[in-house]
């Protein structure tokens, strides 16, 4: 048992130390909370046509996405996830091969990822759809340099097959590690996991916006 100073200074020092420790713990918790908030920021940027009635969109065609990532096959991987997520939300998706066949016969291919108004109207009638999904893949895979981590960045649009109006547009980018991941050494997410996350977040702005 530690002897107490006659004037009580020992107890005062102990109390000050405890208060200082509590302030340190509180400060650490505040920093961790702030980091977690920052780690969760950066959702999709999106636009939905203010007067569009999206309830009539029952079937869509996904135009081959423009691949800006430099990763071979990235656009196909993203398209597959987009198709699956649209189907999960009750929107029918025309088979990719049929879409490519019809678009090619309408002159598609001069500018990858882009369809003209006349092409959209004609192909839309032939495919019996209400809209086209077009877009691009900006990033897909690991970044370069020290401490490389996977990143996926995708932009999508929903174009009305008849009017050619942009009904919805969104872009989103997700990295395979966050501030907290780096701080605590948590494992990195895979590229396929990031792709799923990006597409789900993007489509949520359309169906839940």
N, C-alpha and C. Protein backbone atom coordinates (compact mmCIF):
# COMPACT_ATOMS: atom_id res chain seq x y z
N UNK A 1 0.86 -1.20 0.00
CA UNK A 1 0.00 0.00 0.00
C UNK A 1 0.89 1.24 0.00
N UNK A 2 0.60 2.19 -0.98
CA UNK A 2 1.46 3.35 -1.12
C UNK A 2 1.10 4.40 -0.08
N UNK A 3 2.15 4.95 0.56
CA UNK A 3 1.92 5.98 1.58
C UNK A 3 1.42 7.25 0.93
N UNK A 4 0.50 7.90 1.58
CA UNK A 4 -0.07 9.15 1.08
C UNK A 4 0.70 10.32 1.67
N UNK A 5 1.00 11.30 0.85
CA UNK A 5 1.67 12.50 1.34
C UNK A 5 0.79 13.18 2.37
N UNK A 6 1.46 13.77 3.35
CA UNK A 6 0.73 14.42 4.45
C UNK A 6 -0.14 15.54 3.94
N UNK A 7 0.32 16.23 2.89
CA UNK A 7 -0.47 17.38 2.42
C UNK A 7 -1.48 17.00 1.35
N UNK A 8 -1.55 15.70 1.03
CA UNK A 8 -2.55 15.26 0.06
C UNK A 8 -2.17 15.48 -1.38
N UNK A 9 -0.89 15.88 -1.65
CA UNK A 9 -0.51 16.15 -3.04
C UNK A 9 -0.50 14.89 -3.88
N UNK A 10 -0.26 13.73 -3.25
CA UNK A 10 -0.27 12.47 -4.00
C UNK A 10 -1.63 12.20 -4.61
N UNK A 11 -2.66 12.42 -3.82
CA UNK A 11 -4.02 12.20 -4.32
C UNK A 11 -4.36 13.18 -5.43
N UNK A 12 -3.90 14.40 -5.29
CA UNK A 12 -4.16 15.42 -6.32
C UNK A 12 -3.49 15.04 -7.64
N UNK A 13 -2.26 14.55 -7.54
CA UNK A 13 -1.54 14.14 -8.76
C UNK A 13 -2.25 12.98 -9.43
N UNK A 14 -2.69 11.99 -8.59
CA UNK A 14 -3.41 10.85 -9.14
C UNK A 14 -4.68 11.29 -9.87
N UNK A 15 -5.41 12.20 -9.26
CA UNK A 15 -6.64 12.69 -9.87
C UNK A 15 -6.36 13.40 -11.18
N UNK A 16 -5.30 14.20 -11.20
CA UNK A 16 -4.94 14.90 -12.44
C UNK A 16 -4.55 13.92 -13.53
N UNK A 17 -3.82 12.87 -13.14
CA UNK A 17 -3.41 11.86 -14.11
C UNK A 17 -4.62 11.13 -14.70
N UNK A 18 -5.58 10.83 -13.81
CA UNK A 18 -6.78 10.14 -14.30
C UNK A 18 -7.56 11.02 -15.27
N UNK A 19 -7.67 12.32 -14.94
CA UNK A 19 -8.38 13.24 -15.84
C UNK A 19 -7.66 13.36 -17.17
N UNK A 20 -6.34 13.42 -17.12
CA UNK A 20 -5.55 13.51 -18.35
C UNK A 20 -5.73 12.25 -19.20
N UNK A 21 -5.77 11.09 -18.54
CA UNK A 21 -5.96 9.83 -19.26
C UNK A 21 -7.33 9.78 -19.93
N UNK A 22 -8.36 10.27 -19.17
CA UNK A 22 -9.71 10.28 -19.75
C UNK A 22 -9.77 11.20 -20.96
N UNK A 23 -9.08 12.36 -20.87
CA UNK A 23 -9.09 13.28 -22.01
C UNK A 23 -8.38 12.67 -23.22
N UNK A 24 -7.32 11.92 -22.95
CA UNK A 24 -6.58 11.26 -24.05
C UNK A 24 -7.45 10.21 -24.73
N UNK A 25 -8.13 9.40 -23.91
CA UNK A 25 -9.02 8.37 -24.46
C UNK A 25 -10.14 9.01 -25.27
N UNK A 26 -10.74 10.09 -24.73
CA UNK A 26 -11.82 10.77 -25.44
C UNK A 26 -11.34 11.32 -26.77
N UNK A 27 -10.13 11.89 -26.77
CA UNK A 27 -9.57 12.45 -27.99
C UNK A 27 -9.34 11.35 -29.03
N UNK A 28 -8.84 10.20 -28.57
CA UNK A 28 -8.60 9.08 -29.48
C UNK A 28 -9.90 8.57 -30.09
N UNK A 29 -10.93 8.46 -29.24
CA UNK A 29 -12.23 8.01 -29.74
C UNK A 29 -12.80 8.98 -30.75
N UNK A 30 -12.62 10.29 -30.50
CA UNK A 30 -13.10 11.30 -31.44
C UNK A 30 -12.39 11.19 -32.78
N UNK A 31 -11.09 10.97 -32.72
CA UNK A 31 -10.31 10.82 -33.97
C UNK A 31 -10.77 9.59 -34.75
N UNK A 32 -10.97 8.46 -34.04
CA UNK A 32 -11.42 7.24 -34.70
C UNK A 32 -12.80 7.42 -35.31
N UNK A 33 -13.68 8.12 -34.59
CA UNK A 33 -15.01 8.37 -35.13
C UNK A 33 -14.93 9.21 -36.39
N UNK A 34 -14.09 10.25 -36.35
CA UNK A 34 -13.94 11.13 -37.51
C UNK A 34 -13.40 10.36 -38.71
N UNK A 35 -12.43 9.47 -38.45
CA UNK A 35 -11.86 8.67 -39.53
C UNK A 35 -12.90 7.74 -40.13
N UNK A 36 -13.73 7.17 -39.26
CA UNK A 36 -14.76 6.26 -39.76
C UNK A 36 -15.78 6.99 -40.61
N UNK A 37 -16.09 8.23 -40.23
CA UNK A 37 -17.02 9.04 -41.02
C UNK A 37 -16.40 9.36 -42.37
N UNK A 38 -15.12 9.75 -42.35
CA UNK A 38 -14.43 10.07 -43.60
C UNK A 38 -14.34 8.84 -44.49
N UNK A 39 -14.12 7.69 -43.87
CA UNK A 39 -14.00 6.46 -44.65
C UNK A 39 -15.30 6.10 -45.33
N UNK A 40 -16.42 6.52 -44.74
CA UNK A 40 -17.71 6.20 -45.33
C UNK A 40 -18.25 7.24 -46.28
N UNK A 41 -17.51 8.31 -46.47
CA UNK A 41 -17.95 9.38 -47.36
C UNK A 41 -17.63 9.02 -48.81
N UNK A 42 -18.06 9.89 -49.71
CA UNK A 42 -17.72 9.71 -51.11
C UNK A 42 -18.66 8.80 -51.85
N UNK A 43 -19.97 8.98 -51.68
CA UNK A 43 -20.95 8.18 -52.40
C UNK A 43 -21.05 8.61 -53.85
N UNK A 44 -21.93 7.95 -54.62
CA UNK A 44 -22.06 8.26 -56.04
C UNK A 44 -22.56 9.69 -56.29
N UNK A 45 -22.13 10.27 -57.39
CA UNK A 45 -22.70 11.51 -57.90
C UNK A 45 -23.75 11.11 -58.93
N UNK A 46 -24.98 11.62 -58.79
CA UNK A 46 -26.04 11.15 -59.67
C UNK A 46 -27.00 12.25 -60.07
N UNK A 47 -27.74 11.97 -61.15
CA UNK A 47 -28.77 12.87 -61.67
C UNK A 47 -29.94 12.02 -62.13
N UNK A 48 -31.15 12.42 -61.75
CA UNK A 48 -32.37 11.79 -62.23
C UNK A 48 -33.23 12.87 -62.87
N UNK A 49 -33.71 12.62 -64.07
CA UNK A 49 -34.54 13.60 -64.77
C UNK A 49 -35.74 13.97 -63.90
N UNK A 50 -35.93 15.27 -63.65
CA UNK A 50 -36.96 15.68 -62.67
C UNK A 50 -38.40 15.33 -63.06
N UNK A 51 -38.68 15.19 -64.35
CA UNK A 51 -40.06 14.93 -64.77
C UNK A 51 -40.24 13.53 -65.35
N UNK A 52 -39.21 12.74 -65.33
CA UNK A 52 -39.29 11.40 -65.94
C UNK A 52 -40.05 10.43 -65.06
N UNK A 53 -40.92 9.64 -65.70
CA UNK A 53 -41.63 8.57 -65.01
C UNK A 53 -40.91 7.27 -65.34
N UNK A 54 -40.11 6.80 -64.41
CA UNK A 54 -39.28 5.63 -64.67
C UNK A 54 -40.03 4.31 -64.51
N UNK A 55 -41.29 4.39 -64.12
CA UNK A 55 -42.05 3.16 -63.89
C UNK A 55 -42.32 2.40 -65.18
N UNK A 56 -42.24 3.07 -66.33
CA UNK A 56 -42.51 2.41 -67.60
C UNK A 56 -41.28 1.66 -68.13
N UNK A 57 -40.13 1.83 -67.49
CA UNK A 57 -38.92 1.13 -67.91
C UNK A 57 -38.99 -0.32 -67.42
N UNK A 58 -39.34 -1.21 -68.33
CA UNK A 58 -39.48 -2.63 -67.99
C UNK A 58 -38.34 -3.48 -68.54
N UNK A 59 -37.83 -3.08 -69.71
CA UNK A 59 -36.76 -3.84 -70.35
C UNK A 59 -35.71 -2.88 -70.90
N UNK A 60 -34.45 -3.20 -70.69
CA UNK A 60 -33.37 -2.35 -71.19
C UNK A 60 -32.33 -3.19 -71.92
N UNK A 61 -31.53 -2.50 -72.72
CA UNK A 61 -30.38 -3.12 -73.36
C UNK A 61 -29.13 -2.41 -72.86
N UNK A 62 -28.11 -3.19 -72.54
CA UNK A 62 -26.86 -2.60 -72.08
C UNK A 62 -25.91 -2.50 -73.27
N UNK A 63 -25.59 -1.28 -73.66
CA UNK A 63 -24.66 -1.05 -74.75
C UNK A 63 -23.26 -1.36 -74.24
N UNK A 64 -22.42 -2.05 -75.06
CA UNK A 64 -21.06 -2.35 -74.61
C UNK A 64 -20.37 -1.11 -74.03
N UNK A 65 -19.92 -1.23 -72.79
CA UNK A 65 -19.34 -0.08 -72.10
C UNK A 65 -17.98 0.29 -72.69
N UNK A 66 -17.67 1.57 -72.64
CA UNK A 66 -16.36 2.04 -73.08
C UNK A 66 -15.35 1.73 -71.99
N UNK A 67 -14.26 1.04 -72.37
CA UNK A 67 -13.25 0.66 -71.39
C UNK A 67 -12.09 1.65 -71.43
N UNK A 68 -11.98 2.44 -70.36
CA UNK A 68 -10.89 3.40 -70.24
C UNK A 68 -9.86 2.96 -69.21
N UNK A 69 -10.08 1.76 -68.67
CA UNK A 69 -9.24 1.29 -67.56
C UNK A 69 -7.92 0.67 -68.03
N UNK A 70 -7.90 0.20 -69.25
CA UNK A 70 -6.71 -0.49 -69.74
C UNK A 70 -6.64 -1.94 -69.30
N UNK A 71 -7.65 -2.41 -68.56
CA UNK A 71 -7.70 -3.80 -68.10
C UNK A 71 -8.56 -4.62 -69.06
N UNK A 72 -7.95 -5.57 -69.74
CA UNK A 72 -8.66 -6.37 -70.72
C UNK A 72 -9.86 -7.09 -70.10
N UNK A 73 -11.02 -6.93 -70.73
CA UNK A 73 -12.23 -7.60 -70.26
C UNK A 73 -12.95 -6.90 -69.14
N UNK A 74 -12.47 -5.74 -68.72
CA UNK A 74 -13.09 -5.04 -67.59
C UNK A 74 -14.53 -4.66 -67.90
N UNK A 75 -14.79 -4.19 -69.13
CA UNK A 75 -16.14 -3.74 -69.47
C UNK A 75 -17.14 -4.89 -69.40
N UNK A 76 -16.71 -6.09 -69.83
CA UNK A 76 -17.60 -7.25 -69.78
C UNK A 76 -17.94 -7.65 -68.36
N UNK A 77 -16.95 -7.58 -67.48
CA UNK A 77 -17.19 -7.93 -66.08
C UNK A 77 -18.18 -6.97 -65.43
N UNK A 78 -18.02 -5.68 -65.72
CA UNK A 78 -18.93 -4.68 -65.15
C UNK A 78 -20.33 -4.87 -65.73
N UNK A 79 -20.42 -5.12 -67.03
CA UNK A 79 -21.72 -5.32 -67.68
C UNK A 79 -22.47 -6.49 -67.06
N UNK A 80 -21.75 -7.57 -66.77
CA UNK A 80 -22.41 -8.73 -66.14
C UNK A 80 -23.01 -8.38 -64.79
N UNK A 81 -22.28 -7.61 -63.99
CA UNK A 81 -22.78 -7.21 -62.68
C UNK A 81 -23.98 -6.27 -62.82
N UNK A 82 -23.89 -5.34 -63.78
CA UNK A 82 -25.01 -4.41 -64.01
C UNK A 82 -26.26 -5.19 -64.40
N UNK A 83 -26.11 -6.16 -65.30
CA UNK A 83 -27.25 -6.96 -65.73
C UNK A 83 -27.89 -7.72 -64.57
N UNK A 84 -27.05 -8.34 -63.76
CA UNK A 84 -27.56 -9.10 -62.62
C UNK A 84 -28.31 -8.20 -61.64
N UNK A 85 -27.74 -7.04 -61.35
CA UNK A 85 -28.37 -6.12 -60.40
C UNK A 85 -29.67 -5.54 -60.95
N UNK A 86 -29.73 -5.31 -62.25
CA UNK A 86 -30.99 -4.84 -62.85
C UNK A 86 -32.06 -5.92 -62.76
N UNK A 87 -31.68 -7.15 -63.06
CA UNK A 87 -32.62 -8.26 -62.97
C UNK A 87 -33.13 -8.43 -61.54
N UNK A 88 -32.24 -8.26 -60.57
CA UNK A 88 -32.64 -8.37 -59.17
C UNK A 88 -33.67 -7.32 -58.80
N UNK A 89 -33.64 -6.20 -59.49
CA UNK A 89 -34.57 -5.10 -59.21
C UNK A 89 -35.82 -5.14 -60.09
N UNK A 90 -35.98 -6.23 -60.84
CA UNK A 90 -37.21 -6.42 -61.61
C UNK A 90 -37.19 -5.85 -63.01
N UNK A 91 -36.01 -5.44 -63.51
CA UNK A 91 -35.89 -4.91 -64.87
C UNK A 91 -35.30 -5.98 -65.76
N UNK A 92 -35.98 -6.29 -66.86
CA UNK A 92 -35.47 -7.29 -67.80
C UNK A 92 -34.31 -6.71 -68.61
N UNK A 93 -33.37 -7.57 -68.94
CA UNK A 93 -32.18 -7.17 -69.70
C UNK A 93 -32.06 -8.06 -70.93
N UNK A 94 -31.94 -7.42 -72.09
CA UNK A 94 -31.81 -8.18 -73.33
C UNK A 94 -30.44 -8.85 -73.38
N UNK A 95 -30.38 -10.06 -73.89
CA UNK A 95 -29.14 -10.83 -73.98
C UNK A 95 -28.09 -10.04 -74.76
N UNK A 96 -26.86 -10.04 -74.24
CA UNK A 96 -25.79 -9.21 -74.81
C UNK A 96 -25.56 -9.48 -76.30
N UNK A 97 -25.58 -10.75 -76.69
CA UNK A 97 -25.33 -11.09 -78.09
C UNK A 97 -26.37 -10.51 -79.02
N UNK A 98 -27.62 -10.54 -78.60
CA UNK A 98 -28.70 -9.98 -79.42
C UNK A 98 -28.55 -8.47 -79.54
N UNK A 99 -28.18 -7.82 -78.44
CA UNK A 99 -27.97 -6.37 -78.47
C UNK A 99 -26.85 -6.00 -79.44
N UNK A 100 -25.74 -6.71 -79.36
CA UNK A 100 -24.60 -6.44 -80.24
C UNK A 100 -24.98 -6.65 -81.71
N UNK A 101 -25.73 -7.70 -81.98
CA UNK A 101 -26.15 -8.00 -83.35
C UNK A 101 -27.00 -6.88 -83.92
N UNK A 102 -27.99 -6.43 -83.15
CA UNK A 102 -28.88 -5.37 -83.63
C UNK A 102 -28.14 -4.04 -83.76
N UNK A 103 -27.33 -3.71 -82.77
CA UNK A 103 -26.61 -2.44 -82.83
C UNK A 103 -25.64 -2.41 -84.01
N UNK A 104 -24.98 -3.52 -84.26
CA UNK A 104 -24.04 -3.59 -85.38
C UNK A 104 -24.75 -3.37 -86.70
N UNK A 105 -25.93 -3.93 -86.83
CA UNK A 105 -26.69 -3.77 -88.08
C UNK A 105 -27.18 -2.34 -88.24
N UNK A 106 -27.24 -1.59 -87.13
CA UNK A 106 -27.67 -0.19 -87.18
C UNK A 106 -26.48 0.77 -87.31
N UNK A 107 -25.28 0.21 -87.43
CA UNK A 107 -24.10 1.04 -87.64
C UNK A 107 -23.29 1.33 -86.41
N UNK A 108 -23.57 0.60 -85.31
CA UNK A 108 -22.82 0.85 -84.08
C UNK A 108 -21.38 0.39 -84.22
N UNK A 109 -20.47 1.10 -83.56
CA UNK A 109 -19.07 0.69 -83.54
C UNK A 109 -18.10 1.77 -83.91
N UNK A 110 -18.59 2.83 -84.53
CA UNK A 110 -17.69 3.92 -84.92
C UNK A 110 -17.15 4.64 -83.70
N UNK A 111 -17.97 4.73 -82.65
CA UNK A 111 -17.54 5.35 -81.40
C UNK A 111 -18.00 4.45 -80.26
N UNK A 112 -17.11 3.62 -79.72
CA UNK A 112 -17.49 2.65 -78.68
C UNK A 112 -18.18 3.30 -77.49
N UNK A 113 -19.25 2.65 -77.02
CA UNK A 113 -19.96 3.13 -75.85
C UNK A 113 -20.97 4.23 -76.12
N UNK A 114 -21.11 4.63 -77.38
CA UNK A 114 -22.00 5.74 -77.72
C UNK A 114 -22.97 5.31 -78.82
N UNK A 115 -24.26 5.65 -78.67
CA UNK A 115 -25.24 5.40 -79.71
C UNK A 115 -25.92 6.71 -80.07
N UNK A 116 -26.24 6.87 -81.36
CA UNK A 116 -26.89 8.09 -81.82
C UNK A 116 -28.39 8.01 -81.53
N UNK A 117 -29.07 9.13 -81.73
CA UNK A 117 -30.52 9.19 -81.50
C UNK A 117 -31.27 8.26 -82.44
N UNK A 118 -30.91 8.30 -83.72
CA UNK A 118 -31.60 7.44 -84.69
C UNK A 118 -31.31 5.97 -84.42
N UNK A 119 -30.08 5.68 -84.01
CA UNK A 119 -29.71 4.30 -83.68
C UNK A 119 -30.50 3.80 -82.47
N UNK A 120 -30.63 4.66 -81.48
CA UNK A 120 -31.38 4.28 -80.27
C UNK A 120 -32.84 4.03 -80.60
N UNK A 121 -33.40 4.88 -81.44
CA UNK A 121 -34.83 4.73 -81.80
C UNK A 121 -35.06 3.45 -82.59
N UNK A 122 -34.23 3.21 -83.61
CA UNK A 122 -34.41 2.03 -84.45
C UNK A 122 -34.12 0.74 -83.69
N UNK A 123 -33.00 0.72 -82.98
CA UNK A 123 -32.64 -0.48 -82.22
C UNK A 123 -33.62 -0.72 -81.09
N UNK A 124 -34.12 0.35 -80.50
CA UNK A 124 -35.10 0.22 -79.43
C UNK A 124 -36.36 -0.48 -79.88
N UNK A 125 -36.82 -0.14 -81.08
CA UNK A 125 -38.01 -0.77 -81.63
C UNK A 125 -37.76 -2.25 -81.91
N UNK A 126 -36.62 -2.55 -82.49
CA UNK A 126 -36.31 -3.92 -82.85
C UNK A 126 -36.12 -4.81 -81.62
N UNK A 127 -35.55 -4.24 -80.57
CA UNK A 127 -35.30 -5.00 -79.35
C UNK A 127 -36.50 -4.97 -78.40
N UNK A 128 -37.48 -4.13 -78.71
CA UNK A 128 -38.68 -3.97 -77.88
C UNK A 128 -38.31 -3.59 -76.45
N UNK A 129 -37.54 -2.52 -76.35
CA UNK A 129 -37.09 -2.04 -75.04
C UNK A 129 -37.52 -0.59 -74.84
N UNK A 130 -37.40 -0.13 -73.60
CA UNK A 130 -37.74 1.25 -73.28
C UNK A 130 -36.49 2.12 -73.04
N UNK A 131 -35.38 1.49 -72.77
CA UNK A 131 -34.19 2.28 -72.47
C UNK A 131 -32.89 1.55 -72.75
N UNK A 132 -31.82 2.35 -72.87
CA UNK A 132 -30.48 1.81 -73.04
C UNK A 132 -29.62 2.22 -71.85
N UNK A 133 -28.80 1.30 -71.39
CA UNK A 133 -27.76 1.61 -70.41
C UNK A 133 -26.45 1.79 -71.16
N UNK A 134 -25.86 2.97 -71.06
CA UNK A 134 -24.56 3.23 -71.68
C UNK A 134 -23.62 3.74 -70.59
N UNK A 135 -22.32 3.72 -70.89
CA UNK A 135 -21.39 4.23 -69.88
C UNK A 135 -19.97 3.83 -70.15
N UNK A 136 -19.15 3.93 -69.12
CA UNK A 136 -17.73 3.63 -69.27
C UNK A 136 -17.15 3.10 -67.96
N UNK A 137 -16.03 2.41 -68.09
CA UNK A 137 -15.27 1.92 -66.95
C UNK A 137 -13.96 2.69 -66.91
N UNK A 138 -13.81 3.56 -65.90
CA UNK A 138 -12.59 4.38 -65.83
C UNK A 138 -11.44 3.65 -65.15
N UNK A 139 -11.76 2.90 -64.10
CA UNK A 139 -10.73 2.17 -63.36
C UNK A 139 -11.24 0.77 -63.04
N UNK A 140 -10.36 -0.21 -63.18
CA UNK A 140 -10.74 -1.57 -62.81
C UNK A 140 -9.46 -2.37 -62.53
N UNK A 141 -9.15 -2.57 -61.26
CA UNK A 141 -7.97 -3.32 -60.91
C UNK A 141 -7.06 -2.57 -59.96
N UNK A 142 -5.86 -3.08 -59.81
CA UNK A 142 -4.92 -2.53 -58.83
C UNK A 142 -4.27 -1.26 -59.35
N UNK A 143 -4.09 -0.31 -58.43
CA UNK A 143 -3.35 0.90 -58.76
C UNK A 143 -1.87 0.57 -58.82
N UNK A 144 -1.09 1.49 -59.35
CA UNK A 144 0.36 1.25 -59.45
C UNK A 144 1.09 1.94 -58.31
N UNK A 145 2.33 1.51 -58.10
CA UNK A 145 3.15 2.16 -57.08
C UNK A 145 3.14 1.39 -55.77
N UNK A 146 3.84 1.97 -54.79
CA UNK A 146 3.97 1.34 -53.48
C UNK A 146 2.62 1.30 -52.77
N UNK A 147 2.36 0.19 -52.13
CA UNK A 147 1.10 0.04 -51.41
C UNK A 147 -0.09 0.00 -52.35
N UNK A 148 0.06 -0.64 -53.52
CA UNK A 148 -1.01 -0.68 -54.51
C UNK A 148 -2.26 -1.33 -53.93
N UNK A 149 -3.42 -0.85 -54.34
CA UNK A 149 -4.69 -1.38 -53.88
C UNK A 149 -5.67 -1.34 -55.04
N UNK A 150 -6.66 -2.24 -55.07
CA UNK A 150 -7.63 -2.26 -56.17
C UNK A 150 -8.56 -1.05 -56.12
N UNK A 151 -9.01 -0.66 -57.30
CA UNK A 151 -9.95 0.46 -57.42
C UNK A 151 -10.87 0.21 -58.61
N UNK A 152 -12.14 0.54 -58.43
CA UNK A 152 -13.12 0.41 -59.51
C UNK A 152 -13.88 1.73 -59.63
N UNK A 153 -13.95 2.25 -60.86
CA UNK A 153 -14.65 3.51 -61.11
C UNK A 153 -15.51 3.33 -62.36
N UNK A 154 -16.82 3.60 -62.24
CA UNK A 154 -17.76 3.34 -63.32
C UNK A 154 -18.74 4.52 -63.47
N UNK A 155 -19.09 4.83 -64.71
CA UNK A 155 -20.12 5.83 -64.99
C UNK A 155 -21.20 5.18 -65.85
N UNK A 156 -22.47 5.42 -65.51
CA UNK A 156 -23.58 4.82 -66.25
C UNK A 156 -24.65 5.87 -66.55
N UNK A 157 -25.37 5.65 -67.66
CA UNK A 157 -26.51 6.49 -68.03
C UNK A 157 -27.67 5.59 -68.45
N UNK A 158 -28.89 6.06 -68.21
CA UNK A 158 -30.09 5.42 -68.74
C UNK A 158 -30.70 6.39 -69.75
N UNK A 159 -30.75 5.96 -71.01
CA UNK A 159 -31.26 6.81 -72.09
C UNK A 159 -32.59 6.27 -72.57
N UNK A 160 -33.56 7.15 -72.72
CA UNK A 160 -34.87 6.78 -73.24
C UNK A 160 -34.73 6.35 -74.70
N UNK A 161 -35.25 5.18 -75.03
CA UNK A 161 -35.08 4.65 -76.39
C UNK A 161 -35.84 5.46 -77.44
N UNK A 162 -36.91 6.14 -77.05
CA UNK A 162 -37.70 6.91 -78.01
C UNK A 162 -37.26 8.37 -78.08
N UNK A 163 -37.19 9.02 -76.94
CA UNK A 163 -36.90 10.45 -76.93
C UNK A 163 -35.41 10.76 -76.91
N UNK A 164 -34.58 9.78 -76.56
CA UNK A 164 -33.13 9.94 -76.44
C UNK A 164 -32.75 10.81 -75.25
N UNK A 165 -33.71 11.07 -74.37
CA UNK A 165 -33.43 11.89 -73.19
C UNK A 165 -32.65 11.07 -72.16
N UNK A 166 -31.78 11.76 -71.44
CA UNK A 166 -31.04 11.11 -70.36
C UNK A 166 -31.95 11.09 -69.13
N UNK A 167 -32.41 9.90 -68.76
CA UNK A 167 -33.32 9.75 -67.64
C UNK A 167 -32.57 9.70 -66.31
N UNK A 168 -31.36 9.16 -66.38
CA UNK A 168 -30.55 8.99 -65.15
C UNK A 168 -29.08 8.91 -65.53
N UNK A 169 -28.26 9.44 -64.67
CA UNK A 169 -26.81 9.38 -64.89
C UNK A 169 -26.12 9.36 -63.53
N UNK A 170 -25.09 8.54 -63.40
CA UNK A 170 -24.37 8.46 -62.12
C UNK A 170 -22.95 7.99 -62.35
N UNK A 171 -22.07 8.40 -61.47
CA UNK A 171 -20.68 7.96 -61.50
C UNK A 171 -20.22 7.68 -60.08
N UNK A 172 -19.36 6.68 -59.95
CA UNK A 172 -18.94 6.27 -58.61
C UNK A 172 -17.58 5.60 -58.68
N UNK A 173 -16.79 5.79 -57.64
CA UNK A 173 -15.47 5.19 -57.56
C UNK A 173 -15.24 4.69 -56.14
N UNK A 174 -14.74 3.47 -56.03
CA UNK A 174 -14.47 2.86 -54.73
C UNK A 174 -13.08 2.24 -54.74
N UNK A 175 -12.34 2.49 -53.67
CA UNK A 175 -11.00 1.92 -53.53
C UNK A 175 -11.05 0.72 -52.57
N UNK A 176 -10.09 -0.18 -52.74
CA UNK A 176 -10.09 -1.41 -51.97
C UNK A 176 -9.57 -1.28 -50.56
N UNK A 177 -9.28 -0.06 -50.13
CA UNK A 177 -8.84 0.15 -48.76
C UNK A 177 -9.25 1.53 -48.33
N UNK A 178 -9.58 1.68 -47.04
CA UNK A 178 -9.99 2.97 -46.49
C UNK A 178 -8.96 3.45 -45.47
N UNK A 179 -9.18 4.61 -44.91
CA UNK A 179 -8.28 5.15 -43.89
C UNK A 179 -8.17 4.20 -42.71
N UNK A 180 -9.32 3.67 -42.26
CA UNK A 180 -9.31 2.75 -41.12
C UNK A 180 -8.63 1.44 -41.47
N UNK A 181 -8.82 0.98 -42.72
CA UNK A 181 -8.15 -0.24 -43.14
C UNK A 181 -6.64 -0.10 -43.04
N UNK A 182 -6.14 1.04 -43.51
CA UNK A 182 -4.70 1.27 -43.47
C UNK A 182 -4.22 1.43 -42.03
N UNK A 183 -5.04 2.07 -41.20
CA UNK A 183 -4.65 2.32 -39.82
C UNK A 183 -4.53 1.02 -39.03
N UNK A 184 -5.48 0.11 -39.24
CA UNK A 184 -5.52 -1.12 -38.45
C UNK A 184 -5.06 -2.35 -39.22
N UNK A 185 -4.64 -2.16 -40.47
CA UNK A 185 -4.11 -3.28 -41.23
C UNK A 185 -5.15 -4.29 -41.65
N UNK A 186 -6.40 -3.84 -41.85
CA UNK A 186 -7.48 -4.72 -42.29
C UNK A 186 -7.24 -5.11 -43.75
N UNK A 187 -7.61 -6.33 -44.12
CA UNK A 187 -7.38 -6.83 -45.47
C UNK A 187 -8.08 -6.01 -46.54
N UNK A 188 -7.49 -6.00 -47.73
CA UNK A 188 -8.04 -5.26 -48.86
C UNK A 188 -9.20 -6.02 -49.50
N UNK A 189 -10.13 -5.30 -50.10
CA UNK A 189 -11.23 -5.92 -50.83
C UNK A 189 -10.74 -6.32 -52.22
N UNK A 190 -11.36 -7.35 -52.78
CA UNK A 190 -10.99 -7.78 -54.12
C UNK A 190 -11.64 -6.86 -55.15
N UNK A 191 -11.13 -6.91 -56.38
CA UNK A 191 -11.68 -6.08 -57.44
C UNK A 191 -13.13 -6.45 -57.73
N UNK A 192 -13.44 -7.74 -57.71
CA UNK A 192 -14.82 -8.18 -57.97
C UNK A 192 -15.77 -7.69 -56.88
N UNK A 193 -15.31 -7.68 -55.63
CA UNK A 193 -16.13 -7.15 -54.54
C UNK A 193 -16.39 -5.66 -54.75
N UNK A 194 -15.36 -4.94 -55.16
CA UNK A 194 -15.50 -3.50 -55.39
C UNK A 194 -16.46 -3.23 -56.55
N UNK A 195 -16.37 -4.05 -57.59
CA UNK A 195 -17.26 -3.88 -58.74
C UNK A 195 -18.72 -4.05 -58.31
N UNK A 196 -18.98 -5.06 -57.53
CA UNK A 196 -20.33 -5.29 -57.01
C UNK A 196 -20.79 -4.09 -56.19
N UNK A 197 -19.93 -3.59 -55.33
CA UNK A 197 -20.27 -2.45 -54.47
C UNK A 197 -20.57 -1.21 -55.29
N UNK A 198 -19.73 -0.94 -56.28
CA UNK A 198 -19.91 0.24 -57.12
C UNK A 198 -21.24 0.19 -57.86
N UNK A 199 -21.52 -0.94 -58.49
CA UNK A 199 -22.75 -1.07 -59.28
C UNK A 199 -23.99 -0.98 -58.40
N UNK A 200 -23.96 -1.64 -57.26
CA UNK A 200 -25.10 -1.57 -56.34
C UNK A 200 -25.34 -0.13 -55.89
N UNK A 201 -24.28 0.57 -55.52
CA UNK A 201 -24.41 1.96 -55.09
C UNK A 201 -24.95 2.84 -56.21
N UNK A 202 -24.47 2.61 -57.43
CA UNK A 202 -24.94 3.39 -58.58
C UNK A 202 -26.44 3.18 -58.81
N UNK A 203 -26.85 1.93 -58.89
CA UNK A 203 -28.25 1.63 -59.19
C UNK A 203 -29.18 2.02 -58.04
N UNK A 204 -28.67 2.06 -56.83
CA UNK A 204 -29.48 2.53 -55.71
C UNK A 204 -29.92 3.98 -55.92
N UNK A 205 -29.10 4.78 -56.60
CA UNK A 205 -29.48 6.18 -56.85
C UNK A 205 -30.60 6.27 -57.86
N UNK A 206 -30.76 5.23 -58.67
CA UNK A 206 -31.84 5.20 -59.65
C UNK A 206 -33.13 4.66 -59.06
N UNK A 207 -33.01 3.56 -58.32
CA UNK A 207 -34.22 2.89 -57.81
C UNK A 207 -34.66 3.36 -56.44
N UNK A 208 -33.77 4.01 -55.71
CA UNK A 208 -34.14 4.48 -54.38
C UNK A 208 -33.98 5.98 -54.24
N UNK A 209 -33.63 6.64 -55.32
CA UNK A 209 -33.41 8.08 -55.29
C UNK A 209 -34.70 8.86 -55.26
